């Protein structure tokens, strides 16, 4: 099988078995003319999901005519390994591009595709991805948690981009134009369901601290993003059993200006890494 290199910071999916993977650390690439440069692709009437041969991953939201709502509103999906140091500081470990391995061919219909690799500090990980009925399901876990000195976890970040309309070059100081931009986001909202069954609804133009209990509660089990910039599409992100999410945003920035949903599994309840994160565009 021919394979190709995977880049730092990306990817999707794993649940591989030990010994499955070849020695070469590369990812294959689709041969279709329109898909050159991509390893995986999955399309529906509402989104385009892509993983590049360089490992970068994103989702484009499509309007009712099948066109991207905005080239600047792609949703990056990244895989994260976070280590908590003795003093309490959390650092992110970088993936090694040369370490990623797979036995799976490039495909436009990803079903239970798996990868494995290593991050700095010799931290092994597995990732999983599948697409079914218009939903992207991801998962992943650490391969050698018992060997790690400090508390370390595998996570997935879904980044909702800044959805505030851009000002036109000739209207930067135009109060009327500024008001129109604000009016365009006044009905934007994010609906959250917490792991305890309670719900929260936050206006998109409200400045909040995402990681606070008022927003993320005891953990988020589902989030629905409804921003006008996505042309009536709803972005739903759901944490499966034995996992949860938290919302992250810079220093009380308004949610419509962009935020992350960080997913991770409970290692005590999910030692085999079967927990999943599902992304749907409706």
Protein backbone atom coordinates (compact mmCIF):
# COMPACT_ATOMS: atom_id res chain seq x y z
CA UNK A 1 0.00 0.00 0.00
CA UNK A 2 1.25 3.52 -0.83
CA UNK A 3 1.03 6.01 2.05
CA UNK A 4 1.75 9.68 2.74
CA UNK A 5 2.97 11.95 5.55
CA UNK A 6 0.60 13.40 8.15
CA UNK A 7 1.08 16.92 9.45
CA UNK A 8 1.09 18.27 12.99
CA UNK A 9 -2.13 19.32 14.63
CA UNK A 10 -4.71 17.66 12.63
CA UNK A 11 -6.79 14.81 12.07
CA UNK A 12 -9.42 12.48 12.59
CA UNK A 13 -10.22 9.23 13.75
CA UNK A 14 -8.73 6.14 15.41
CA UNK A 15 -9.46 2.97 17.15
CA UNK A 16 -6.79 0.78 15.57
CA UNK A 17 -5.48 -2.48 16.92
CA UNK A 18 -1.85 -3.04 17.94
CA UNK A 19 0.34 -4.36 15.20
CA UNK A 20 -1.98 -3.29 12.36
CA UNK A 21 0.14 -0.47 11.04
CA UNK A 22 3.04 -0.53 8.59
CA UNK A 23 6.41 1.02 9.37
CA UNK A 24 6.02 3.87 6.88
CA UNK A 25 4.44 6.98 8.42
CA UNK A 26 2.45 8.31 5.49
CA UNK A 27 -1.11 8.93 4.35
CA UNK A 28 -2.42 8.05 0.89
CA UNK A 29 -3.99 10.69 -1.33
CA UNK A 30 -7.18 10.61 -3.40
CA UNK A 31 -6.56 10.26 -7.13
CA UNK A 32 -9.72 12.04 -8.30
CA UNK A 33 -8.72 15.25 -10.11
CA UNK A 34 -10.92 17.43 -7.91
CA UNK A 35 -9.67 15.76 -4.75
CA UNK A 36 -5.93 15.93 -5.30
CA UNK A 37 -4.16 16.69 -2.07
CA UNK A 38 -6.83 15.10 0.14
CA UNK A 39 -6.70 11.85 2.10
CA UNK A 40 -10.35 11.65 3.17
CA UNK A 41 -13.49 13.41 1.97
CA UNK A 42 -17.17 13.15 2.83
CA UNK A 43 -19.90 15.31 1.32
CA UNK A 44 -23.58 15.84 2.05
CA UNK A 45 -26.16 18.41 1.03
CA UNK A 46 -25.14 20.57 4.00
CA UNK A 47 -21.36 20.18 4.37
CA UNK A 48 -18.00 19.21 2.87
CA UNK A 49 -15.62 17.37 5.16
CA UNK A 50 -11.95 17.17 4.18
CA UNK A 51 -8.70 15.78 5.54
CA UNK A 52 -5.67 16.88 3.55
CA UNK A 53 -2.70 14.66 2.82
CA UNK A 54 -0.89 17.13 5.10
CA UNK A 55 -3.26 16.20 7.92
CA UNK A 56 -5.23 19.44 8.13
CA UNK A 57 -8.97 18.97 8.69
CA UNK A 58 -11.95 21.24 8.16
CA UNK A 59 -15.69 21.29 7.51
CA UNK A 60 -17.33 23.72 5.08
CA UNK A 61 -20.97 24.55 5.69
CA UNK A 62 -23.06 24.65 2.50
CA UNK A 63 -26.15 26.75 1.78
CA UNK A 64 -29.40 25.45 0.29
CA UNK A 65 -27.87 25.61 -3.21
CA UNK A 66 -24.85 23.53 -2.23
CA UNK A 67 -22.36 26.41 -2.15
CA UNK A 68 -20.07 27.25 0.79
CA UNK A 69 -21.75 29.90 2.93
CA UNK A 70 -18.45 31.76 3.18
CA UNK A 71 -14.87 30.70 2.52
CA UNK A 72 -13.85 32.28 5.83
CA UNK A 73 -16.37 30.26 7.82
CA UNK A 74 -14.73 26.86 7.50
CA UNK A 75 -14.78 24.93 10.79
CA UNK A 76 -11.36 23.53 11.76
CA UNK A 77 -11.28 20.23 13.66
CA UNK A 78 -8.04 19.50 15.48
CA UNK A 79 -6.73 16.78 17.77
CA UNK A 80 -5.11 17.81 21.01
CA UNK A 81 -2.97 16.15 23.67
CA UNK A 82 -2.93 18.20 26.85
CA UNK A 83 -0.54 17.57 29.74
CA UNK A 84 -0.98 19.13 33.18
CA UNK A 85 2.33 19.97 34.84
CA UNK A 86 2.92 19.71 38.64
CA UNK A 87 2.35 23.45 39.08
CA UNK A 88 -1.06 23.23 37.44
CA UNK A 89 -0.09 24.70 34.06
CA UNK A 90 -1.50 22.87 31.04
CA UNK A 91 0.58 22.50 27.89
CA UNK A 92 -0.27 21.09 24.46
CA UNK A 93 1.90 18.32 23.05
CA UNK A 94 2.59 18.49 19.32
CA UNK A 95 1.98 15.59 16.98
CA UNK A 96 4.97 14.19 15.12
CA UNK A 97 4.20 14.13 11.35
CA UNK A 98 6.59 11.25 10.81
CA UNK A 99 4.91 9.04 13.38
CA UNK A 100 1.41 8.75 11.90
CA UNK A 101 0.60 5.32 10.46
CA UNK A 102 -2.42 3.77 8.76
CA UNK A 103 -3.35 0.74 6.72
CA UNK A 104 -6.39 2.47 5.22
CA UNK A 105 -6.54 3.78 1.65
CA UNK A 106 -7.66 7.28 0.73
CA UNK A 107 -11.44 7.34 0.46
CA UNK A 108 -14.48 9.54 -0.13
CA UNK A 109 -16.58 7.28 2.08
CA UNK A 110 -14.73 6.98 5.38
CA UNK A 111 -16.00 4.09 7.49
CA UNK A 112 -14.16 3.25 10.70
CA UNK A 113 -10.89 4.66 9.38
CA UNK A 114 -8.08 4.54 11.95
CA UNK A 115 -4.67 6.11 12.53
CA UNK A 116 -2.02 6.01 15.19
CA UNK A 117 0.96 8.19 15.93
CA UNK A 118 3.08 9.88 18.57
CA UNK A 119 3.34 13.34 20.07
CA UNK A 120 6.31 14.97 21.77
CA UNK A 121 7.21 13.22 25.00
CA UNK A 122 6.77 9.85 23.28
CA UNK A 123 3.01 9.96 23.84
CA UNK A 124 1.22 7.45 21.64
CA UNK A 125 -2.33 8.07 20.43
CA UNK A 126 -5.06 6.57 18.25
CA UNK A 127 -7.76 8.39 16.31
CA UNK A 128 -11.00 7.25 14.68
CA UNK A 129 -13.26 8.72 11.99
CA UNK A 130 -16.40 7.57 10.22
CA UNK A 131 -19.20 9.20 8.25
CA UNK A 132 -22.74 7.88 8.23
CA UNK A 133 -26.09 9.43 7.28
CA UNK A 134 -24.71 12.93 7.07
CA UNK A 135 -22.85 12.90 10.39
CA UNK A 136 -19.12 12.87 11.09
CA UNK A 137 -18.13 10.79 14.11
CA UNK A 138 -14.68 11.12 15.68
CA UNK A 139 -12.87 9.59 18.58
CA UNK A 140 -9.44 8.92 19.98
CA UNK A 141 -7.41 8.05 23.05
CA UNK A 142 -3.89 7.70 24.41
CA UNK A 143 -2.06 4.43 23.87
CA UNK A 144 0.27 4.52 26.88
CA UNK A 145 -1.37 6.61 29.66
CA UNK A 146 0.08 4.46 32.46
CA UNK A 147 3.61 5.33 31.33
CA UNK A 148 3.08 9.10 31.50
CA UNK A 149 4.46 11.05 34.46
CA UNK A 150 1.85 13.81 34.50
CA UNK A 151 -1.93 13.77 33.96
CA UNK A 152 -2.43 13.79 30.17
CA UNK A 153 -5.54 13.59 28.02
CA UNK A 154 -6.50 13.28 24.39
CA UNK A 155 -9.09 15.76 23.11
CA UNK A 156 -10.75 17.08 19.98
CA UNK A 157 -11.39 20.76 19.31
CA UNK A 158 -14.19 21.98 17.07
CA UNK A 159 -13.60 25.65 16.34
CA UNK A 160 -16.58 27.83 15.49
CA UNK A 161 -15.10 30.79 13.55
CA UNK A 162 -15.83 34.49 13.88
CA UNK A 163 -19.27 34.93 12.29
CA UNK A 164 -19.59 38.71 12.54
CA UNK A 165 -20.08 40.20 9.02
CA UNK A 166 -17.00 42.01 7.79
CA UNK A 167 -17.18 45.77 7.38
CA UNK A 168 -16.92 47.06 3.83
CA UNK A 169 -13.69 49.02 3.17
CA UNK A 170 -15.63 52.25 2.66
CA UNK A 171 -17.81 51.88 5.75
CA UNK A 172 -15.36 51.40 8.62
CA UNK A 173 -16.46 54.64 10.26
CA UNK A 174 -20.05 54.47 9.15
CA UNK A 175 -22.30 54.20 12.21
CA UNK A 176 -25.18 52.97 10.09
CA UNK A 177 -23.06 50.17 8.62
CA UNK A 178 -21.82 49.24 12.09
CA UNK A 179 -25.39 49.01 13.36
CA UNK A 180 -26.36 46.83 10.40
CA UNK A 181 -23.52 44.46 11.24
CA UNK A 182 -24.67 44.22 14.82
CA UNK A 183 -28.31 43.75 13.80
CA UNK A 184 -27.21 40.83 11.62
CA UNK A 185 -26.08 38.88 14.70
CA UNK A 186 -28.71 39.97 17.22
CA UNK A 187 -30.67 36.72 16.89
CA UNK A 188 -27.60 34.45 16.89
CA UNK A 189 -27.54 31.92 19.72
CA UNK A 190 -25.86 28.86 21.14
CA UNK A 191 -27.97 26.26 22.91
CA UNK A 192 -26.24 23.93 25.35
CA UNK A 193 -27.27 20.78 27.15
CA UNK A 194 -25.22 19.91 30.20
CA UNK A 195 -24.30 16.43 31.36
CA UNK A 196 -26.74 16.78 34.27
CA UNK A 197 -29.66 17.27 31.84
CA UNK A 198 -30.00 21.01 32.40
CA UNK A 199 -30.01 23.43 29.46
CA UNK A 200 -28.55 26.86 28.80
CA UNK A 201 -29.24 29.30 25.98
CA UNK A 202 -26.67 32.01 25.32
CA UNK A 203 -27.10 34.91 22.91
CA UNK A 204 -24.37 35.04 20.30
CA UNK A 205 -23.64 38.70 21.02
CA UNK A 206 -23.28 38.06 24.75
CA UNK A 207 -19.77 38.23 26.20
CA UNK A 208 -19.25 35.22 28.47
CA UNK A 209 -16.45 33.22 30.03
CA UNK A 210 -16.77 29.91 28.22
CA UNK A 211 -15.12 27.66 30.79
CA UNK A 212 -17.23 29.03 33.66
CA UNK A 213 -19.90 26.93 35.40
CA UNK A 214 -22.51 29.37 34.08
CA UNK A 215 -21.62 28.32 30.53
CA UNK A 216 -20.03 24.87 30.57
CA UNK A 217 -21.80 23.69 33.73
CA UNK A 218 -20.59 20.26 34.94
CA UNK A 219 -19.76 19.49 31.31
CA UNK A 220 -21.56 19.89 27.99
CA UNK A 221 -23.20 16.89 26.34
CA UNK A 222 -24.54 18.73 23.27
CA UNK A 223 -24.27 22.15 21.64
CA UNK A 224 -26.33 23.66 18.82
CA UNK A 225 -24.96 26.75 17.08
CA UNK A 226 -27.41 28.96 15.15
CA UNK A 227 -25.64 31.92 13.56
CA UNK A 228 -27.11 33.94 10.69
CA UNK A 229 -23.80 33.77 8.84
CA UNK A 230 -24.35 30.04 8.32
CA UNK A 231 -27.52 30.69 6.28
CA UNK A 232 -30.06 28.97 8.55
CA UNK A 233 -27.85 25.90 9.00
CA UNK A 234 -27.58 24.49 12.51
CA UNK A 235 -24.25 23.11 13.70
CA UNK A 236 -24.79 20.38 16.27
CA UNK A 237 -21.92 18.85 18.21
CA UNK A 238 -22.70 15.93 20.53
CA UNK A 239 -20.54 14.13 23.07
CA UNK A 240 -21.39 10.43 23.35
CA UNK A 241 -21.54 8.36 26.55
CA UNK A 242 -18.54 8.62 28.90
CA UNK A 243 -17.40 11.91 27.37
CA UNK A 244 -18.21 15.62 27.57
CA UNK A 245 -17.26 19.03 26.20
CA UNK A 246 -16.36 22.43 27.56
CA UNK A 247 -16.64 25.77 25.80
CA UNK A 248 -13.52 27.88 25.48
CA UNK A 249 -13.21 31.46 24.32
CA UNK A 250 -10.69 34.28 24.90
CA UNK A 251 -11.38 36.55 27.86
CA UNK A 252 -15.14 36.93 27.69
CA UNK A 253 -15.30 37.45 23.93
CA UNK A 254 -18.78 37.37 22.42
CA UNK A 255 -19.59 33.88 21.18
CA UNK A 256 -20.38 35.17 17.70
CA UNK A 257 -16.72 36.25 17.48
CA UNK A 258 -15.59 32.64 17.68
CA UNK A 259 -15.10 29.90 20.26
CA UNK A 260 -13.93 26.30 20.70
CA UNK A 261 -15.81 23.23 21.84
CA UNK A 262 -13.24 20.96 23.48
CA UNK A 263 -14.21 17.28 23.74
CA UNK A 264 -12.56 14.63 25.89
CA UNK A 265 -13.51 11.24 27.31
CA UNK A 266 -13.49 10.12 30.92
CA UNK A 267 -10.51 7.70 31.01
CA UNK A 268 -11.89 5.88 34.07
CA UNK A 269 -15.19 5.14 32.30
CA UNK A 270 -13.72 4.74 28.82
CA UNK A 271 -10.40 2.85 29.15
CA UNK A 272 -10.73 1.32 25.66
CA UNK A 273 -11.29 4.65 23.91
CA UNK A 274 -14.77 3.92 22.59
CA UNK A 275 -16.26 7.34 23.42
CA UNK A 276 -17.21 9.43 20.39
CA UNK A 277 -17.89 12.99 19.25
CA UNK A 278 -20.47 13.56 16.51
CA UNK A 279 -20.75 16.64 14.28
CA UNK A 280 -23.88 17.31 12.24
CA UNK A 281 -24.82 20.22 9.98
CA UNK A 282 -28.59 20.51 9.55
